[in-house]
Amino acid sequence: MGVPEDLIEILACPETKVPVVLEGDWIVSTDPATRRRYPVKDDIPIMLIEEGETMDEDEWKAVMKKHGKPTG
């Protein structure tokens, strides 16, 4: 089933409140300063700061490019 696109459109990073994108089993923040990602478990986004992690800058930039988002 996956995470519905209309849900992704209304979600925001819990830390910075910026939009997010879905990348595989992760919800990825579009904020270049934090580069946070949050897991999706059983099709449920776990949007808790303590569950998130910081992505490597190159990996984050590749995800943003794939989704047509600016990289800062």
C-alpha atoms as a PDB file:
ATOM      1  CA  MET A   1       0.000   0.000   0.000  1.00  0.00           C
ATOM      2  CA  GLY A   2       2.634   2.570   0.990  1.00  0.00           C
ATOM      3  CA  VAL A   3       2.282   6.076   2.318  1.00  0.00           C
ATOM      4  CA  PRO A   4      -0.316   8.036   0.305  1.00  0.00           C
ATOM      5  CA  GLU A   5       1.044  11.016  -1.642  1.00  0.00           C
ATOM      6  CA  ASP A   6      -1.638  13.310  -0.232  1.00  0.00           C
ATOM      7  CA  LEU A   7      -0.341  12.509   3.278  1.00  0.00           C
ATOM      8  CA  ILE A   8       3.234  13.334   2.246  1.00  0.00           C
ATOM      9  CA  GLU A   9       1.989  16.699   0.972  1.00  0.00           C
ATOM     10  CA  ILE A  10       0.661  17.700   4.417  1.00  0.00           C
ATOM     11  CA  LEU A  11       3.471  16.249   6.557  1.00  0.00           C
ATOM     12  CA  ALA A  12       6.331  18.451   7.743  1.00  0.00           C
ATOM     13  CA  CYS A  13       9.614  17.780   9.476  1.00  0.00           C
ATOM     14  CA  PRO A  14       8.855  17.803  13.219  1.00  0.00           C
ATOM     15  CA  GLU A  15      12.153  19.549  13.938  1.00  0.00           C
ATOM     16  CA  THR A  16      12.177  22.329  11.320  1.00  0.00           C
ATOM     17  CA  LYS A  17       8.595  22.353   9.985  1.00  0.00           C
ATOM     18  CA  VAL A  18       9.768  22.226   6.336  1.00  0.00           C
ATOM     19  CA  PRO A  19       8.142  20.018   3.655  1.00  0.00           C
ATOM     20  CA  VAL A  20       9.221  16.395   3.300  1.00  0.00           C
ATOM     21  CA  VAL A  21       9.562  13.829   0.514  1.00  0.00           C
ATOM     22  CA  LEU A  22       9.107  10.067   0.550  1.00  0.00           C
ATOM     23  CA  GLU A  23      12.197   8.074  -0.379  1.00  0.00           C
ATOM     24  CA  GLY A  24      11.781   4.326   0.014  1.00  0.00           C
ATOM     25  CA  ASP A  25      11.144   3.550   3.668  1.00  0.00           C
ATOM     26  CA  TRP A  26      12.072   7.066   4.794  1.00  0.00           C
ATOM     27  CA  ILE A  27      10.409  10.468   5.049  1.00  0.00           C
ATOM     28  CA  VAL A  28      13.162  12.986   4.210  1.00  0.00           C
ATOM     29  CA  SER A  29      13.206  16.613   5.314  1.00  0.00           C
ATOM     30  CA  THR A  30      13.965  19.164   2.600  1.00  0.00           C
ATOM     31  CA  ASP A  31      15.968  21.310   5.063  1.00  0.00           C
ATOM     32  CA  PRO A  32      19.629  21.446   3.944  1.00  0.00           C
ATOM     33  CA  ALA A  33      20.804  22.528   7.402  1.00  0.00           C
ATOM     34  CA  THR A  34      19.550  19.400   9.193  1.00  0.00           C
ATOM     35  CA  ARG A  35      19.186  16.747   6.426  1.00  0.00           C
ATOM     36  CA  ARG A  36      16.888  14.722   8.699  1.00  0.00           C
ATOM     37  CA  ARG A  37      15.061  11.539   7.757  1.00  0.00           C
ATOM     38  CA  TYR A  38      12.383   9.599   9.602  1.00  0.00           C
ATOM     39  CA  PRO A  39      11.485   5.919   9.208  1.00  0.00           C
ATOM     40  CA  VAL A  40       8.312   4.492   7.746  1.00  0.00           C
ATOM     41  CA  LYS A  41       7.273   1.278   9.535  1.00  0.00           C
ATOM     42  CA  ASP A  42       4.348  -0.817   8.298  1.00  0.00           C
ATOM     43  CA  ASP A  43       3.339   2.093   6.012  1.00  0.00           C
ATOM     44  CA  ILE A  44       3.197   4.479   9.012  1.00  0.00           C
ATOM     45  CA  PRO A  45       5.554   7.479   9.085  1.00  0.00           C
ATOM     46  CA  ILE A  46       7.297   7.711  12.475  1.00  0.00           C
ATOM     47  CA  MET A  47       7.627  11.496  12.651  1.00  0.00           C
ATOM     48  CA  LEU A  48       9.341  11.748  16.031  1.00  0.00           C
ATOM     49  CA  ILE A  49      12.569  13.729  16.365  1.00  0.00           C
ATOM     50  CA  GLU A  50      14.164  10.997  18.470  1.00  0.00           C
ATOM     51  CA  GLU A  51      13.411   8.416  15.734  1.00  0.00           C
ATOM     52  CA  GLY A  52      15.036  10.522  13.012  1.00  0.00           C
ATOM     53  CA  GLU A  53      18.621  10.576  11.882  1.00  0.00           C
ATOM     54  CA  THR A  54      20.889  12.918   9.964  1.00  0.00           C
ATOM     55  CA  MET A  55      21.696  11.907   6.399  1.00  0.00           C
ATOM     56  CA  ASP A  56      25.081  12.162   4.748  1.00  0.00           C
ATOM     57  CA  GLU A  57      25.163  15.387   2.700  1.00  0.00           C
ATOM     58  CA  ASP A  58      25.783  13.662  -0.650  1.00  0.00           C
ATOM     59  CA  GLU A  59      23.009  11.128  -0.038  1.00  0.00           C
ATOM     60  CA  TRP A  60      20.597  13.915   0.977  1.00  0.00           C
ATOM     61  CA  LYS A  61      21.479  15.968  -2.132  1.00  0.00           C
ATOM     62  CA  ALA A  62      20.863  12.942  -4.373  1.00  0.00           C
ATOM     63  CA  VAL A  63      17.397  12.469  -2.837  1.00  0.00           C
ATOM     64  CA  MET A  64      16.546  16.160  -3.262  1.00  0.00           C
ATOM     65  CA  LYS A  65      17.714  16.112  -6.885  1.00  0.00           C
ATOM     66  CA  LYS A  66      15.606  13.012  -7.577  1.00  0.00           C
ATOM     67  CA  HIS A  67      12.531  14.816  -6.196  1.00  0.00           C
ATOM     68  CA  GLY A  68      13.280  18.139  -7.920  1.00  0.00           C
ATOM     69  CA  LYS A  69      13.966  20.011  -4.682  1.00  0.00           C
ATOM     70  CA  PRO A  70      16.679  22.649  -4.120  1.00  0.00           C
ATOM     71  CA  THR A  71      19.779  21.583  -2.211  1.00  0.00           C
ATOM     72  CA  GLY A  72      20.472  24.850  -0.479  1.00  0.00           C
END
